Amino acid sequence: MESPVVAVKENKLLKGAFAVGGIMITLVIYGILQEKIMKIPYGQNKEFFTYSLFLVFCNRLTTSAVSAASLLASKKALDPVAPVYKYCLVSVTNILTTTCQYEALKYVSFPVQTLAKCAKMIPVMVWGSIIMQKRYKGLDYLWAVLVTLGCSVFILYPGGDDISLYKKGRESTVWGMSLMAGYLGFDGFTSTFQDKLFKGYNMEIHNQIFYTTLCSCVLSLTGLVLQGQLLAAVDFIHRHNDCLYDIALLSTVATASQFFISYTIRTFGALTFATIMTTRQLISILLSCLWFAHPLSPLQWVGAVIVFSSLYAKSFLRSNTQKSTPPADEQDKELAPLKGIP
């Protein structure tokens, strides 16, 4: 008969494998589909799908429906815990974040975009200081600067198809850089304000996901109608059924990833989740380079090594610190992309 300690360890190992496998599979598939939809033409006429807001609407509609079903199945109330306008504020910035993410793929390759996401620590720290009145240590700023430096090297010294984009004047435009900066700024605000809502109102994860995504559905649908893109997007997927399947799968894995993320944070904490996300980004970049033939320049490899070495070193040192001293705060939550919706 096995001891209780062994049983607990085996149970934790199974939970860990479930969490890591779920996050890796869903988000890696999400990244590949995202690039395929926005950068690979459909049909004999080689038409590109250009309706980023429609992708946001489909993702949020799926997530909202699943989170509502989860609340009803667990017999928890659907009533909002916080004022509705606060959910809407998270929703607006999250829509802007995701739209910038999709639109940026028109100007940068997926590896560049994915690595640039690692630089979100600085805007998150800035918003954390403003919204949460957080105070960060000098070492936290050092890691943020190193990661940003690595991202800058990766973006400024492209290889392969990115060189052609530079020569065409696309990636070097103010608009392309503004999309990346907008993504980082809006995403940093979203995750920080979500964290404030969790702490200020003691709400369930599914409650926040439901109302945030419900607001996103309304706002994104309104935007599609006002821009005259709704019927055009529907017509596109009607003519290209393979695009419809890609969008349906994208929405499914985006929704599934949210529940794996919530499960991981609740079971293992922010530090473990941050390490898993770092590994996922590395795998996504490597798969994209292989799948879509994105050759990296030598300096891009240097930039990638700087970024991921800094992130893993940060996680390792913070893990050792937490083992020797009891946790005094939850800074990891502000430094990791914890609750952002893809």
Protein backbone atom coordinates (compact mmCIF):
# COMPACT_ATOMS: atom_id res chain seq x y z
CA MET A 1 0.00 0.00 0.00
CA GLU A 2 1.56 3.31 -1.10
CA SER A 3 2.11 6.05 1.43
CA PRO A 4 0.01 9.23 1.44
CA VAL A 5 3.12 11.29 0.55
CA VAL A 6 3.75 9.22 -2.58
CA ALA A 7 0.09 9.46 -3.55
CA VAL A 8 0.13 13.24 -3.15
CA LYS A 9 3.29 13.54 -5.27
CA GLU A 10 1.83 11.35 -8.01
CA ASN A 11 -1.39 13.34 -7.95
CA LYS A 12 0.53 16.61 -8.23
CA LEU A 13 2.60 15.18 -11.08
CA LEU A 14 -0.55 14.21 -12.98
CA LYS A 15 -2.06 17.65 -12.39
CA GLY A 16 1.17 19.26 -13.57
CA ALA A 17 1.24 17.16 -16.74
CA PHE A 18 -2.40 18.02 -17.38
CA ALA A 19 -1.77 21.76 -16.92
CA VAL A 20 1.44 21.89 -18.99
CA GLY A 21 0.02 19.70 -21.76
CA GLY A 22 -3.19 21.70 -21.95
CA ILE A 23 -1.49 25.09 -22.13
CA MET A 24 1.18 23.97 -24.58
CA ILE A 25 -1.21 22.22 -26.98
CA THR A 26 -3.92 24.89 -27.03
CA LEU A 27 -1.69 27.96 -27.25
CA VAL A 28 0.75 26.48 -29.76
CA ILE A 29 -2.17 25.50 -32.01
CA TYR A 30 -3.65 28.97 -31.42
CA GLY A 31 -0.43 30.64 -32.57
CA ILE A 32 -0.12 28.53 -35.71
CA LEU A 33 -3.77 29.09 -36.67
CA GLN A 34 -3.49 32.80 -36.00
CA GLU A 35 -0.60 33.11 -38.45
CA LYS A 36 -2.26 30.82 -41.00
CA ILE A 37 -5.52 32.81 -41.04
CA MET A 38 -3.88 36.23 -41.30
CA LYS A 39 -0.90 35.49 -43.56
CA ILE A 40 -1.80 32.53 -45.82
CA PRO A 41 -4.16 33.26 -48.76
CA TYR A 42 -7.30 31.20 -49.34
CA GLY A 43 -8.73 29.82 -52.57
CA GLN A 44 -7.54 29.84 -56.16
CA ASN A 45 -7.62 33.64 -56.27
CA LYS A 46 -5.23 33.85 -53.29
CA GLU A 47 -7.49 36.04 -51.13
CA PHE A 48 -6.31 37.15 -47.70
CA PHE A 49 -8.58 37.25 -44.65
CA THR A 50 -8.35 40.83 -43.35
CA TYR A 51 -11.13 41.05 -40.76
CA SER A 52 -9.28 40.98 -37.44
CA LEU A 53 -12.28 42.18 -35.45
CA PHE A 54 -14.34 39.24 -36.73
CA LEU A 55 -11.78 36.85 -35.19
CA VAL A 56 -12.08 38.72 -31.90
CA PHE A 57 -15.88 38.42 -32.05
CA CYS A 58 -15.80 34.66 -32.74
CA ASN A 59 -13.26 34.03 -29.96
CA ARG A 60 -15.20 36.03 -27.39
CA LEU A 61 -18.56 34.57 -28.37
CA THR A 62 -17.25 31.03 -27.85
CA THR A 63 -15.54 31.86 -24.55
CA SER A 64 -18.61 33.69 -23.25
CA ALA A 65 -20.90 30.76 -24.04
CA VAL A 66 -18.60 28.20 -22.41
CA SER A 67 -18.03 30.32 -19.27
CA ALA A 68 -21.80 30.86 -18.89
CA ALA A 69 -22.35 27.12 -19.20
CA SER A 70 -19.66 26.52 -16.55
CA LEU A 71 -21.32 28.94 -14.13
CA LEU A 72 -24.73 27.34 -14.66
CA ALA A 73 -23.34 23.81 -14.36
CA SER A 74 -21.66 24.69 -11.05
CA LYS A 75 -24.91 26.36 -9.91
CA LYS A 76 -23.15 29.69 -9.37
CA ALA A 77 -24.92 32.99 -9.87
CA LEU A 78 -24.59 34.82 -13.17
CA ASP A 79 -25.04 38.19 -11.47
CA PRO A 80 -22.15 40.64 -11.93
CA VAL A 81 -19.96 41.07 -8.86
CA ALA A 82 -18.38 44.38 -9.93
CA PRO A 83 -20.02 47.35 -11.68
CA VAL A 84 -20.65 46.48 -15.32
CA TYR A 85 -18.62 49.45 -16.59
CA LYS A 86 -15.49 47.92 -15.05
CA TYR A 87 -16.01 44.71 -17.00
CA CYS A 88 -16.51 46.87 -20.10
CA LEU A 89 -13.23 48.71 -19.46
CA VAL A 90 -11.36 45.39 -19.37
CA SER A 91 -13.26 44.33 -22.48
CA VAL A 92 -12.38 47.46 -24.47
CA THR A 93 -8.67 47.26 -23.73
CA ASN A 94 -8.67 43.51 -24.37
CA ILE A 95 -10.33 43.99 -27.77
CA LEU A 96 -7.73 46.63 -28.63
CA THR A 97 -4.99 44.24 -27.48
CA THR A 98 -6.19 41.35 -29.61
CA THR A 99 -6.91 43.52 -32.65
CA CYS A 100 -3.39 44.98 -32.51
CA GLN A 101 -2.07 41.42 -32.22
CA TYR A 102 -3.86 40.23 -35.36
CA GLU A 103 -3.19 43.39 -37.36
CA ALA A 104 0.52 43.30 -36.47
CA LEU A 105 0.82 40.01 -38.37
CA LYS A 106 0.30 42.01 -41.57
CA TYR A 107 3.55 43.85 -40.85
CA VAL A 108 5.72 41.46 -38.84
CA SER A 109 6.30 37.72 -38.87
CA PHE A 110 4.88 35.53 -36.11
CA PRO A 111 8.30 34.86 -34.48
CA VAL A 112 8.91 38.62 -34.22
CA GLN A 113 5.44 39.20 -32.76
CA THR A 114 5.72 36.31 -30.30
CA LEU A 115 9.10 37.39 -28.96
CA ALA A 116 7.93 41.00 -28.72
CA LYS A 117 5.21 39.82 -26.33
CA CYS A 118 7.96 38.97 -23.84
CA ALA A 119 8.64 42.70 -23.54
CA LYS A 120 5.28 43.23 -21.85
CA MET A 121 6.95 43.23 -18.42
CA ILE A 122 7.80 46.93 -18.64
CA PRO A 123 4.27 48.17 -19.49
CA VAL A 124 2.82 45.78 -16.87
CA MET A 125 5.19 47.20 -14.25
CA VAL A 126 4.28 50.76 -15.28
CA TRP A 127 0.54 50.05 -15.04
CA GLY A 128 1.09 48.16 -11.78
CA SER A 129 2.76 51.22 -10.28
CA ILE A 130 -0.06 53.50 -11.48
CA ILE A 131 -3.12 51.32 -10.80
CA MET A 132 -1.99 49.07 -7.94
CA GLN A 133 0.63 51.39 -6.38
CA LYS A 134 3.12 48.53 -6.59
CA ARG A 135 6.82 48.98 -5.87
CA TYR A 136 9.23 46.75 -7.76
CA LYS A 137 12.78 45.82 -6.90
CA GLY A 138 15.81 46.86 -8.91
CA LEU A 139 16.31 43.26 -10.04
CA ASP A 140 12.82 43.23 -11.56
CA TYR A 141 13.69 46.27 -13.65
CA LEU A 142 16.98 44.61 -14.68
CA TRP A 143 15.14 41.53 -16.02
CA ALA A 144 12.65 43.77 -17.83
CA VAL A 145 15.43 45.78 -19.49
CA LEU A 146 17.31 42.62 -20.56
CA VAL A 147 14.16 41.09 -22.06
CA THR A 148 13.33 44.32 -23.89
CA LEU A 149 16.91 44.53 -25.17
CA GLY A 150 16.70 40.98 -26.52
CA CYS A 151 13.35 41.73 -28.18
CA SER A 152 14.78 44.88 -29.78
CA VAL A 153 17.72 42.94 -31.24
CA PHE A 154 15.34 40.29 -32.57
CA ILE A 155 13.11 42.86 -34.28
CA LEU A 156 15.81 45.21 -35.61
CA TYR A 157 17.99 42.54 -37.25
CA PRO A 158 15.62 40.36 -39.28
CA GLY A 159 16.34 37.40 -41.51
CA GLY A 160 14.58 35.72 -44.42
CA ASP A 161 11.12 36.99 -45.26
CA ASP A 162 11.34 39.78 -42.68
CA ILE A 163 14.13 41.38 -44.74
CA SER A 164 11.81 41.59 -47.73
CA LEU A 165 9.18 43.24 -45.54
CA TYR A 166 11.71 45.84 -44.45
CA LYS A 167 12.69 46.51 -48.07
CA LYS A 168 9.04 47.03 -48.95
CA GLY A 169 8.83 49.61 -46.19
CA ARG A 170 6.13 47.77 -44.26
CA GLU A 171 7.74 46.55 -41.07
CA SER A 172 9.73 49.75 -40.60
CA THR A 173 6.66 51.98 -40.80
CA VAL A 174 5.38 53.92 -37.84
CA TRP A 175 2.08 52.03 -38.14
CA GLY A 176 3.69 48.63 -37.74
CA MET A 177 5.68 49.68 -34.67
CA SER A 178 2.62 51.43 -33.25
CA LEU A 179 0.62 48.20 -33.44
CA MET A 180 3.26 46.35 -31.41
CA ALA A 181 3.49 49.19 -28.89
CA GLY A 182 -0.30 49.34 -28.70
CA TYR A 183 -0.49 45.61 -28.06
CA LEU A 184 2.01 45.82 -25.19
CA GLY A 185 0.41 48.90 -23.62
CA PHE A 186 -3.21 47.69 -23.80
CA ASP A 187 -2.28 44.17 -22.68
CA GLY A 188 -0.38 45.50 -19.68
CA PHE A 189 -3.38 47.57 -18.60
CA THR A 190 -5.81 44.67 -19.14
CA SER A 191 -3.97 42.13 -16.97
CA THR A 192 -3.26 44.70 -14.24
CA PHE A 193 -6.86 45.95 -14.05
CA GLN A 194 -8.16 42.35 -14.07
CA ASP A 195 -5.93 41.59 -11.13
CA LYS A 196 -7.30 44.64 -9.31
CA LEU A 197 -10.87 43.41 -9.92
CA PHE A 198 -10.03 39.97 -8.55
CA LYS A 199 -8.56 41.45 -5.39
CA GLY A 200 -11.11 44.22 -4.94
CA TYR A 201 -14.28 42.18 -5.46
CA ASN A 202 -13.24 38.60 -4.60
CA MET A 203 -14.91 37.34 -7.78
CA GLU A 204 -14.85 33.92 -9.40
CA ILE A 205 -12.63 33.50 -12.47
CA HIS A 206 -15.57 32.32 -14.59
CA ASN A 207 -17.61 35.34 -13.52
CA GLN A 208 -15.00 37.77 -14.80
CA ILE A 209 -14.41 35.79 -17.99
CA PHE A 210 -18.15 35.66 -18.72
CA TYR A 211 -18.89 39.38 -18.29
CA THR A 212 -15.66 40.52 -19.92
CA THR A 213 -16.17 38.34 -23.00
CA LEU A 214 -19.89 39.19 -23.14
CA CYS A 215 -19.01 42.90 -23.30
CA SER A 216 -16.38 42.07 -25.92
CA CYS A 217 -19.00 40.28 -28.03
CA VAL A 218 -21.26 43.33 -28.02
CA LEU A 219 -18.45 45.80 -28.69
CA SER A 220 -16.76 43.77 -31.43
CA LEU A 221 -20.10 43.07 -33.14
CA THR A 222 -20.93 46.79 -33.01
CA GLY A 223 -17.55 47.61 -34.50
CA LEU A 224 -18.04 45.10 -37.32
CA VAL A 225 -21.45 46.55 -38.18
CA LEU A 226 -20.28 50.19 -38.06
CA GLN A 227 -17.26 49.40 -40.27
CA GLY A 228 -19.37 47.37 -42.69
CA GLN A 229 -17.15 44.32 -42.20
CA LEU A 230 -19.63 41.80 -40.77
CA LEU A 231 -21.29 40.79 -44.04
CA ALA A 232 -17.95 40.90 -45.85
CA ALA A 233 -16.38 38.54 -43.30
CA VAL A 234 -19.37 36.18 -43.46
CA ASP A 235 -19.21 36.21 -47.26
CA PHE A 236 -15.49 35.39 -47.14
CA ILE A 237 -15.89 32.36 -44.91
CA HIS A 238 -18.93 31.27 -46.94
CA ARG A 239 -16.76 31.21 -50.06
CA HIS A 240 -13.81 29.63 -48.26
CA ASN A 241 -15.02 26.83 -46.00
CA ASP A 242 -11.47 26.00 -44.94
CA CYS A 243 -11.23 29.48 -43.42
CA LEU A 244 -14.44 28.81 -41.47
CA TYR A 245 -12.92 25.62 -40.06
CA ASP A 246 -9.72 27.49 -39.12
CA ILE A 247 -11.69 30.20 -37.30
CA ALA A 248 -13.86 27.65 -35.48
CA LEU A 249 -10.77 25.76 -34.32
CA LEU A 250 -9.05 29.03 -33.35
CA SER A 251 -12.02 30.02 -31.18
CA THR A 252 -12.15 26.57 -29.61
CA VAL A 253 -8.48 26.43 -28.62
CA ALA A 254 -8.59 30.08 -27.45
CA THR A 255 -11.47 29.21 -25.11
CA ALA A 256 -9.84 25.99 -23.91
CA SER A 257 -6.59 27.83 -23.19
CA GLN A 258 -8.38 30.18 -20.79
CA PHE A 259 -9.57 27.33 -18.62
CA PHE A 260 -6.16 25.64 -18.65
CA ILE A 261 -4.58 28.97 -17.67
CA SER A 262 -7.06 29.47 -14.82
CA TYR A 263 -6.52 25.90 -13.62
CA THR A 264 -2.73 26.29 -13.66
CA ILE A 265 -2.70 29.58 -11.77
CA ARG A 266 -5.14 28.27 -9.17
CA THR A 267 -3.27 24.96 -8.69
CA PHE A 268 0.40 25.89 -9.05
CA GLY A 269 0.61 29.66 -8.81
CA ALA A 270 1.86 32.49 -10.99
CA LEU A 271 5.54 31.52 -11.02
CA THR A 272 4.95 28.07 -12.51
CA PHE A 273 2.55 29.53 -15.03
CA ALA A 274 5.08 32.18 -16.11
CA THR A 275 7.70 29.48 -16.71
CA ILE A 276 5.26 27.39 -18.76
CA MET A 277 4.31 30.43 -20.86
CA THR A 278 7.97 31.22 -21.53
CA THR A 279 8.54 27.67 -22.77
CA ARG A 280 5.39 27.86 -24.88
CA GLN A 281 6.60 31.03 -26.58
CA LEU A 282 9.93 29.39 -27.39
CA ILE A 283 8.19 26.33 -28.86
CA SER A 284 5.80 28.55 -30.86
CA ILE A 285 8.69 30.46 -32.41
CA LEU A 286 10.55 27.28 -33.36
CA LEU A 287 7.41 25.67 -34.83
CA SER A 288 6.59 28.81 -36.80
CA CYS A 289 10.11 28.92 -38.22
CA LEU A 290 9.79 25.29 -39.33
CA TRP A 291 6.15 25.36 -40.47
CA PHE A 292 6.12 28.71 -42.30
CA ALA A 293 9.83 28.82 -43.24
CA HIS A 294 10.91 31.87 -41.21
CA PRO A 295 14.72 31.73 -41.24
CA LEU A 296 16.29 33.59 -38.31
CA SER A 297 19.39 35.72 -38.66
CA PRO A 298 22.37 35.10 -36.30
CA LEU A 299 21.55 38.27 -34.35
CA GLN A 300 17.93 37.15 -33.98
CA TRP A 301 19.19 33.95 -32.35
CA VAL A 302 21.28 36.13 -30.00
CA GLY A 303 18.20 38.22 -29.15
CA ALA A 304 16.13 35.09 -28.51
CA VAL A 305 18.81 33.65 -26.22
CA ILE A 306 18.95 36.93 -24.24
CA VAL A 307 15.17 36.95 -23.81
CA PHE A 308 14.62 33.35 -22.77
CA SER A 309 17.78 33.17 -20.63
CA SER A 310 16.63 36.25 -18.73
CA LEU A 311 13.11 34.88 -18.23
CA TYR A 312 14.30 31.47 -17.03
CA ALA A 313 16.94 33.04 -14.76
CA LYS A 314 14.29 35.32 -13.28
CA SER A 315 11.99 32.37 -12.62
CA PHE A 316 14.82 30.29 -11.11
CA LEU A 317 16.02 33.05 -8.76
CA ARG A 318 12.48 33.93 -7.69
CA SER A 319 11.76 30.25 -7.02
CA ASN A 320 14.80 29.98 -4.75
CA THR A 321 13.81 33.18 -2.95
CA GLN A 322 10.29 31.90 -2.32
CA LYS A 323 11.63 28.63 -0.95
CA SER A 324 13.80 30.42 1.61
CA THR A 325 11.32 33.11 2.63
CA PRO A 326 7.52 33.19 2.92
CA PRO A 327 5.82 35.14 0.11
CA ALA A 328 5.23 38.71 1.17
CA ASP A 329 3.33 39.82 -1.89
CA GLU A 330 2.12 38.68 -5.28
CA GLN A 331 4.38 40.58 -7.63
CA ASP A 332 4.59 37.58 -9.94
CA LYS A 333 1.01 38.18 -10.94
CA GLU A 334 1.82 41.62 -12.24
CA LEU A 335 4.99 40.43 -14.01
CA ALA A 336 3.35 37.54 -15.89
CA PRO A 337 0.60 37.61 -18.54
CA LEU A 338 -1.76 35.83 -16.18
CA LYS A 339 -5.31 36.38 -17.21
CA GLY A 340 -5.03 37.95 -20.65
CA ILE A 341 -7.46 36.46 -23.16
CA PRO A 342 -5.85 35.56 -26.50
